[in-house]
Amino acid sequence: MAKKGAVLAVLGLIVFVLIFRFVGTTEILSVLRNANPYLIGLSVFFQFSLLLVWTFRWQLITEYLKIGIPFYRLFPYLLFINFGDIITPGPRFGSEPVVAYLIQKNEGQKAGTVMASMLVERLYGLISFNMISLFSIFVLFGYMSVGLLNLSGWVLMLIVLSLMVAVGLTLFVAYIFYTENRGLTMVMGWAHRILPFVYQKFYKNDVRGMRATEVKLRKSAKTFFDDVLLLGGDPKLWVNGMFMSFAFYIIYFIQTFYAFAAVGIFKGLGFFFVVAMMMTLAELTGYIIMLPSAVGVTEILMISILSGYGIPLGQAAAGTLIARGIYYIFGLLTGYIGLIWVERKK
């Protein structure tokens, strides 16, 4: 993961250099020199608050499943999950199995139960995000089409395609969760394909070891699906989880809003909704762009939407650099801190 983090850092640096060259170094630097440091600090504060809310949402589920990990010990694992999200291409799933293994090893919890808690927490986020995305696309085409006519056709196509992928992914995850037998069959089908390759590569032909691993995996998968069904049957937990999910995205929009306010883009409450729509659509592109955090495409889309709304190109680029710079740098640094803490626990 350290290598992936380094790759993302290099890609991000290249993107930032290209933005400077495209927009103009002098124009961007003149805006950045006059940026309000207090508003930048406020944006960083809300970025940190995001991680706290995310951890609280996860803790709702861990407490329900009687996973005895207090908030202060759960938080470093969340930092590591966020780090994995930042460096993972596509829908940004991928760090969960590693975190489940680490929690099992460090905290003595069942990996299947921990995995269930993380993926149900993800489902809360996916559903709330899809609802916000649908609303954002409705606003984009219904109320802001005149101001955004200079968005290119490929950008609009990318947005719609991304929404289709996001909704499809949510339905797929929900289908696996709520059809336990089929979901278990699907997971074990993947295992049947992967395990022989792993054992042939690393353990030669240890058939007995492979069968023992398969039995253990089936037990963990069964525990996972049992816990998911248990979580899905509690409406109060769903209400609380969805509330925390919407709170998460509101804070996310506020964090970005202050990043742009720091460079003088402040047009009242109406601009907050523009920021919310812009960040939702930018996040959507991450579902189909096979780059870590859709680096490059996200920034171009943000600048395109803002310039289409009438924001000067220099301000739009400077605000984007601050907002995304905070996202990348803060996420990578806190992720490494979480990783160090987790490694010390081992």
Protein backbone atom coordinates (compact mmCIF):
# COMPACT_ATOMS: atom_id res chain seq x y z
CA MET A 1 0.00 0.00 0.00
CA ALA A 2 2.95 2.32 0.59
CA LYS A 3 3.85 1.95 -3.10
CA LYS A 4 0.29 2.82 -4.15
CA GLY A 5 0.39 5.88 -1.91
CA ALA A 6 3.62 6.99 -3.59
CA VAL A 7 2.08 6.43 -7.04
CA LEU A 8 -0.93 8.56 -6.09
CA ALA A 9 1.35 11.31 -4.77
CA VAL A 10 3.27 11.36 -8.06
CA LEU A 11 0.06 11.33 -10.13
CA GLY A 12 -1.40 14.13 -8.03
CA LEU A 13 1.74 16.21 -8.47
CA ILE A 14 1.63 15.70 -12.24
CA VAL A 15 -2.05 16.74 -12.35
CA PHE A 16 -1.36 19.87 -10.31
CA VAL A 17 1.54 20.82 -12.62
CA LEU A 18 -0.67 20.31 -15.69
CA ILE A 19 -3.40 22.50 -14.18
CA PHE A 20 -0.83 25.23 -13.56
CA ARG A 21 0.37 24.99 -17.16
CA PHE A 22 -3.15 24.94 -18.63
CA VAL A 23 -4.66 27.77 -16.57
CA GLY A 24 -1.49 29.78 -16.10
CA THR A 25 0.96 29.75 -13.21
CA THR A 26 0.78 33.52 -12.68
CA GLU A 27 -3.01 33.56 -12.60
CA ILE A 28 -3.28 30.70 -10.08
CA LEU A 29 -0.45 31.91 -7.85
CA SER A 30 -1.93 35.41 -7.63
CA VAL A 31 -5.15 33.86 -6.29
CA LEU A 32 -3.34 31.48 -3.92
CA ARG A 33 -1.23 34.30 -2.44
CA ASN A 34 -4.40 36.10 -1.40
CA ALA A 35 -6.10 32.97 -0.05
CA ASN A 36 -7.53 33.27 3.45
CA PRO A 37 -5.45 30.99 5.74
CA TYR A 38 -8.18 30.87 8.39
CA LEU A 39 -10.73 29.52 5.91
CA ILE A 40 -8.17 26.97 4.69
CA GLY A 41 -7.68 25.92 8.32
CA LEU A 42 -11.45 25.65 8.69
CA SER A 43 -11.56 23.41 5.63
CA VAL A 44 -8.90 21.16 7.18
CA PHE A 45 -10.92 21.06 10.41
CA PHE A 46 -14.01 19.84 8.55
CA GLN A 47 -11.88 17.27 6.73
CA PHE A 48 -10.89 15.88 10.13
CA SER A 49 -14.52 16.05 11.28
CA LEU A 50 -15.46 13.86 8.31
CA LEU A 51 -13.32 11.04 9.65
CA LEU A 52 -14.83 11.39 13.13
CA VAL A 53 -18.39 11.15 11.74
CA TRP A 54 -17.36 8.20 9.59
CA THR A 55 -15.98 6.42 12.67
CA PHE A 56 -19.15 7.16 14.66
CA ARG A 57 -21.21 5.61 11.84
CA TRP A 58 -19.03 2.50 11.90
CA GLN A 59 -19.21 2.34 15.69
CA LEU A 60 -23.02 2.27 15.54
CA ILE A 61 -22.71 -1.08 13.78
CA THR A 62 -19.80 -2.50 15.78
CA GLU A 63 -21.64 -1.84 19.04
CA TYR A 64 -24.77 -3.51 17.66
CA LEU A 65 -22.71 -6.58 16.76
CA LYS A 66 -20.98 -6.48 20.17
CA ILE A 67 -17.54 -5.88 18.65
CA GLY A 68 -15.79 -4.61 21.75
CA ILE A 69 -13.54 -1.93 20.28
CA PRO A 70 -13.79 1.59 21.78
CA PHE A 71 -13.88 4.66 19.56
CA TYR A 72 -10.27 5.70 20.15
CA ARG A 73 -9.04 2.25 19.02
CA LEU A 74 -11.46 2.06 16.09
CA PHE A 75 -10.39 5.45 14.74
CA PRO A 76 -6.88 4.40 13.54
CA TYR A 77 -8.42 1.51 11.57
CA LEU A 78 -10.77 4.03 9.96
CA LEU A 79 -7.78 6.18 8.99
CA PHE A 80 -6.30 3.12 7.30
CA ILE A 81 -9.60 2.43 5.48
CA ASN A 82 -9.70 6.03 4.26
CA PHE A 83 -6.10 5.68 3.08
CA GLY A 84 -7.11 2.55 1.16
CA ASP A 85 -10.04 4.40 -0.42
CA ILE A 86 -7.79 7.20 -1.62
CA ILE A 87 -5.24 4.94 -3.31
CA THR A 88 -7.73 2.40 -4.74
CA PRO A 89 -9.06 2.87 -8.30
CA GLY A 90 -12.73 2.56 -9.16
CA PRO A 91 -15.40 2.35 -6.44
CA ARG A 92 -12.63 2.43 -3.80
CA PHE A 93 -13.39 -0.83 -2.05
CA GLY A 94 -10.41 -3.00 -1.26
CA SER A 95 -8.92 -2.31 2.17
CA GLU A 96 -11.73 -4.05 4.08
CA PRO A 97 -10.27 -7.61 4.05
CA VAL A 98 -6.91 -6.29 5.28
CA VAL A 99 -8.55 -4.29 8.06
CA ALA A 100 -10.73 -7.27 9.05
CA TYR A 101 -7.60 -9.41 9.31
CA LEU A 102 -5.76 -6.77 11.37
CA ILE A 103 -8.69 -6.33 13.76
CA GLN A 104 -8.99 -10.10 14.14
CA LYS A 105 -5.28 -10.32 14.94
CA ASN A 106 -4.95 -7.21 17.12
CA GLU A 107 -8.34 -7.07 18.83
CA GLY A 108 -9.38 -10.73 18.93
CA GLN A 109 -12.62 -10.19 16.96
CA LYS A 110 -14.12 -12.49 14.31
CA ALA A 111 -13.05 -11.44 10.82
CA GLY A 112 -16.46 -12.27 9.33
CA THR A 113 -18.28 -10.08 11.85
CA VAL A 114 -15.85 -7.19 11.36
CA MET A 115 -16.21 -7.51 7.58
CA ALA A 116 -19.99 -7.41 7.90
CA SER A 117 -19.82 -4.23 9.98
CA MET A 118 -17.65 -2.50 7.37
CA LEU A 119 -19.69 -3.52 4.35
CA VAL A 120 -23.05 -2.61 5.89
CA GLU A 121 -21.53 0.74 6.83
CA ARG A 122 -20.51 1.06 3.18
CA LEU A 123 -24.05 0.22 2.10
CA TYR A 124 -25.41 3.11 4.20
CA GLY A 125 -22.96 5.42 2.46
CA LEU A 126 -23.76 4.07 -1.01
CA ILE A 127 -27.52 4.48 -0.63
CA SER A 128 -27.30 8.04 0.73
CA PHE A 129 -24.75 8.97 -1.95
CA ASN A 130 -26.96 7.61 -4.74
CA MET A 131 -29.90 9.65 -3.45
CA ILE A 132 -27.77 12.80 -3.44
CA SER A 133 -26.40 11.91 -6.90
CA LEU A 134 -29.87 11.55 -8.41
CA PHE A 135 -30.87 14.91 -6.98
CA SER A 136 -27.64 16.51 -8.27
CA ILE A 137 -28.18 15.23 -11.82
CA PHE A 138 -31.78 16.44 -11.70
CA VAL A 139 -30.54 19.91 -10.68
CA LEU A 140 -27.80 19.83 -13.33
CA PHE A 141 -30.12 19.09 -16.24
CA GLY A 142 -33.30 20.67 -14.88
CA TYR A 143 -32.20 23.98 -13.41
CA MET A 144 -28.57 24.66 -14.34
CA SER A 145 -28.43 23.56 -17.97
CA VAL A 146 -28.18 27.15 -19.24
CA GLY A 147 -25.23 27.98 -17.00
CA LEU A 148 -23.46 24.73 -17.76
CA LEU A 149 -23.88 24.51 -21.52
CA ASN A 150 -20.13 24.67 -22.05
CA LEU A 151 -19.65 21.31 -20.33
CA SER A 152 -18.45 18.97 -23.04
CA GLY A 153 -20.52 16.00 -24.13
CA TRP A 154 -18.01 13.47 -22.79
CA VAL A 155 -18.27 15.03 -19.32
CA LEU A 156 -22.07 14.74 -19.30
CA MET A 157 -21.86 11.18 -20.62
CA LEU A 158 -19.30 10.34 -17.92
CA ILE A 159 -21.60 11.69 -15.21
CA VAL A 160 -24.63 9.68 -16.36
CA LEU A 161 -22.59 6.49 -16.87
CA SER A 162 -21.03 6.88 -13.43
CA LEU A 163 -24.46 7.17 -11.83
CA MET A 164 -25.59 3.99 -13.59
CA VAL A 165 -22.54 2.15 -12.25
CA ALA A 166 -23.06 3.51 -8.72
CA VAL A 167 -26.73 2.49 -8.63
CA GLY A 168 -25.91 -0.89 -10.16
CA LEU A 169 -23.21 -1.51 -7.56
CA THR A 170 -25.61 -0.66 -4.74
CA LEU A 171 -28.27 -3.02 -6.09
CA PHE A 172 -25.65 -5.75 -6.56
CA VAL A 173 -24.39 -5.41 -2.98
CA ALA A 174 -27.94 -5.35 -1.62
CA TYR A 175 -28.81 -8.45 -3.66
CA ILE A 176 -25.84 -10.38 -2.26
CA PHE A 177 -26.63 -9.24 1.28
CA TYR A 178 -30.31 -10.14 1.28
CA THR A 179 -30.11 -13.45 -0.58
CA GLU A 180 -27.82 -15.20 1.86
CA ASN A 181 -27.59 -18.59 0.14
CA ARG A 182 -26.90 -17.11 -3.30
CA GLY A 183 -24.44 -14.63 -1.83
CA LEU A 184 -22.61 -17.39 0.01
CA THR A 185 -22.54 -19.50 -3.17
CA MET A 186 -21.14 -16.55 -5.10
CA VAL A 187 -18.39 -15.88 -2.54
CA MET A 188 -17.39 -19.53 -2.41
CA GLY A 189 -17.43 -19.65 -6.23
CA TRP A 190 -14.87 -16.84 -6.26
CA ALA A 191 -12.86 -18.70 -3.62
CA HIS A 192 -12.85 -21.89 -5.75
CA ARG A 193 -11.27 -19.93 -8.59
CA ILE A 194 -8.75 -17.99 -6.49
CA LEU A 195 -7.56 -20.55 -3.92
CA PRO A 196 -6.02 -23.08 -6.35
CA PHE A 197 -4.02 -20.28 -7.97
CA VAL A 198 -2.80 -18.99 -4.59
CA TYR A 199 -1.81 -22.42 -3.31
CA GLN A 200 -0.10 -23.38 -6.55
CA LYS A 201 1.87 -20.13 -6.52
CA PHE A 202 2.84 -19.99 -2.84
CA TYR A 203 2.30 -23.46 -1.38
CA LYS A 204 2.76 -25.65 -4.46
CA ASN A 205 0.13 -28.40 -4.27
CA ASP A 206 -0.85 -28.41 -0.61
CA VAL A 207 -4.33 -29.87 -1.22
CA ARG A 208 -4.99 -30.56 2.47
CA GLY A 209 -4.09 -26.98 3.44
CA MET A 210 -6.24 -25.61 0.66
CA ARG A 211 -9.26 -27.64 1.81
CA ALA A 212 -8.77 -26.52 5.42
CA THR A 213 -8.58 -22.90 4.28
CA GLU A 214 -11.72 -23.34 2.20
CA VAL A 215 -13.63 -24.72 5.21
CA LYS A 216 -12.42 -21.81 7.35
CA LEU A 217 -13.39 -19.34 4.64
CA ARG A 218 -16.88 -20.83 4.37
CA LYS A 219 -17.37 -20.45 8.15
CA SER A 220 -16.21 -16.82 8.02
CA ALA A 221 -18.47 -16.12 5.03
CA LYS A 222 -21.45 -17.73 6.81
CA THR A 223 -20.78 -15.58 9.89
CA PHE A 224 -20.54 -12.55 7.63
CA PHE A 225 -23.90 -13.13 5.92
CA ASP A 226 -25.64 -13.99 9.21
CA ASP A 227 -24.44 -10.70 10.69
CA VAL A 228 -25.48 -8.75 7.59
CA LEU A 229 -29.01 -10.17 7.77
CA LEU A 230 -29.13 -9.32 11.47
CA LEU A 231 -28.08 -5.73 10.75
CA GLY A 232 -30.52 -5.39 7.86
CA GLY A 233 -33.48 -6.31 10.05
CA ASP A 234 -33.17 -3.41 12.51
CA PRO A 235 -34.99 -0.27 11.24
CA LYS A 236 -33.65 1.91 14.07
CA LEU A 237 -30.08 1.05 13.10
CA TRP A 238 -30.87 1.90 9.48
CA VAL A 239 -32.32 5.28 10.45
CA ASN A 240 -29.28 6.14 12.57
CA GLY A 241 -26.87 4.89 9.91
CA MET A 242 -28.55 6.86 7.13
CA PHE A 243 -28.65 9.99 9.31
CA MET A 244 -24.91 9.70 9.93
CA SER A 245 -24.35 9.14 6.20
CA PHE A 246 -26.16 12.32 5.21
CA ALA A 247 -24.31 14.20 7.97
CA PHE A 248 -21.07 12.89 6.49
CA TYR A 249 -21.84 14.28 3.04
CA ILE A 250 -23.07 17.63 4.37
CA ILE A 251 -19.75 18.06 6.21
CA TYR A 252 -17.92 17.00 3.05
CA PHE A 253 -19.69 19.73 1.08
CA ILE A 254 -19.00 22.31 3.82
CA GLN A 255 -15.31 21.37 3.79
CA THR A 256 -15.09 21.96 0.04
CA PHE A 257 -17.20 25.12 0.28
CA TYR A 258 -14.68 26.71 2.68
CA ALA A 259 -11.78 25.68 0.44
CA PHE A 260 -13.33 27.73 -2.37
CA ALA A 261 -14.37 30.53 -0.02
CA ALA A 262 -10.68 30.83 0.92
CA VAL A 263 -9.89 32.02 -2.62
CA GLY A 264 -12.75 34.50 -2.71
CA ILE A 265 -15.46 32.35 -4.30
CA PHE A 266 -18.34 33.12 -1.99
CA LYS A 267 -21.75 33.64 -3.56
CA GLY A 268 -23.98 32.85 -0.64
CA LEU A 269 -26.07 29.77 0.05
CA GLY A 270 -26.76 29.19 -3.63
CA PHE A 271 -23.08 28.53 -4.26
CA PHE A 272 -23.10 25.92 -1.49
CA PHE A 273 -25.58 23.89 -3.54
CA VAL A 274 -23.36 24.31 -6.61
CA VAL A 275 -20.44 22.92 -4.57
CA ALA A 276 -22.60 20.03 -3.32
CA MET A 277 -23.67 19.16 -6.86
CA MET A 278 -20.13 19.54 -8.21
CA MET A 279 -18.54 17.30 -5.57
CA THR A 280 -21.25 14.67 -5.92
CA LEU A 281 -20.76 14.48 -9.67
CA ALA A 282 -16.98 14.51 -9.26
CA GLU A 283 -17.21 11.64 -6.76
CA LEU A 284 -19.41 9.73 -9.18
CA THR A 285 -16.66 9.66 -11.79
CA GLY A 286 -14.54 7.65 -9.35
CA TYR A 287 -16.78 4.64 -9.97
CA ILE A 288 -15.59 4.14 -13.53
CA ILE A 289 -12.23 5.92 -13.79
CA MET A 290 -9.56 3.31 -13.07
CA LEU A 291 -7.18 5.75 -11.40
CA PRO A 292 -6.65 6.23 -7.64
CA SER A 293 -9.36 8.69 -6.51
CA ALA A 294 -9.99 9.39 -10.24
CA VAL A 295 -7.04 11.78 -9.95
CA GLY A 296 -6.96 14.24 -12.82
CA VAL A 297 -10.48 13.59 -14.08
CA THR A 298 -12.05 14.77 -10.81
CA GLU A 299 -10.09 18.02 -10.84
CA ILE A 300 -10.86 18.74 -14.50
CA LEU A 301 -14.56 18.10 -13.90
CA MET A 302 -14.60 20.45 -10.89
CA ILE A 303 -12.92 23.26 -12.84
CA SER A 304 -15.27 22.69 -15.81
CA ILE A 305 -18.41 22.92 -13.68
CA LEU A 306 -17.20 26.03 -11.85
CA SER A 307 -16.13 27.82 -15.03
CA GLY A 308 -19.49 26.89 -16.56
CA TYR A 309 -21.15 28.51 -13.56
CA GLY A 310 -19.26 31.74 -14.28
CA ILE A 311 -16.32 31.43 -11.87
CA PRO A 312 -13.04 32.85 -13.29
CA LEU A 313 -10.71 30.07 -14.37
CA GLY A 314 -7.89 31.15 -12.03
CA GLN A 315 -10.15 31.09 -8.97
CA ALA A 316 -11.76 27.80 -10.00
CA ALA A 317 -8.36 26.15 -10.45
CA ALA A 318 -6.92 27.60 -7.21
CA GLY A 319 -9.94 26.50 -5.17
CA THR A 320 -9.78 23.03 -6.73
CA LEU A 321 -6.08 22.74 -5.89
CA ILE A 322 -6.73 23.66 -2.25
CA ALA A 323 -9.76 21.37 -1.86
CA ARG A 324 -8.14 18.36 -3.51
CA GLY A 325 -4.75 19.08 -1.97
CA ILE A 326 -6.30 18.88 1.50
CA TYR A 327 -8.07 15.66 0.52
CA TYR A 328 -4.93 13.94 -0.80
CA ILE A 329 -2.34 15.20 1.69
CA PHE A 330 -4.55 14.86 4.77
CA GLY A 331 -5.76 11.40 3.74
CA LEU A 332 -2.29 10.06 2.97
CA LEU A 333 -0.68 11.48 6.13
CA THR A 334 -3.42 10.31 8.51
CA GLY A 335 -3.48 6.96 6.71
CA TYR A 336 0.20 6.43 7.40
CA ILE A 337 -0.35 7.46 11.04
CA GLY A 338 -3.15 4.89 11.32
CA LEU A 339 -0.95 2.25 9.69
CA ILE A 340 1.89 2.96 12.14
CA TRP A 341 -0.52 2.65 15.08
CA VAL A 342 -1.94 -0.62 13.74
CA GLU A 343 1.56 -2.01 13.13
CA ARG A 344 2.60 -1.14 16.69
CA LYS A 345 -0.39 -3.10 17.99
CA LYS A 346 0.84 -6.28 16.24
